[in-house]
Amino acid sequence: QVQLTESGGGWVQPGGSLRLSCAASGRPDSNYPIAWFRQAPGKERDFVALIRRGSSTSYDNSVKGRFTISRDRADNTVSLQMNNLKPEDTAVYYCAASSRNYALSALWSPENYDYWGQGTQVTVSS
């Protein structure tokens, strides 16, 4: 069983930066695709960014150029560096791991992830 724990959320003014971390424990496969999703109040859980085997990455268009996902295999963590934050980035952010290497488009759906963290709140406001 894999456990995921997010940290690093908080409040920031528009234009600011935050770095989220996702720590994996419980014998995760270092090649598992790991993604970040976010969910705003009253909305669905949306894909944000993904890192796969070989460190290939994928981003939602809304965060491209502002967010960077990276993996540290030595300590089983995946980070999400978020720059130039906007009020519309406000949401609970979740990291998730999939036990299968689905096609890229399938990994944009939260349905194809087996393990989830508890979420961390990110609030962007002035």
Foldseek 3Di string as FASTA:
>chain_A
DKAKAKDWADEDAAQAKIKMKIFIDDDDDLQWKKFKWWDDPPGDIFGAKIAGGVRDIDGDPVQPPFWDWDADSVRRMIMIIGGRDDQVVWTWMKMFTAPDDDPPVVVRDPVRTDYIYPTDTHGYHD
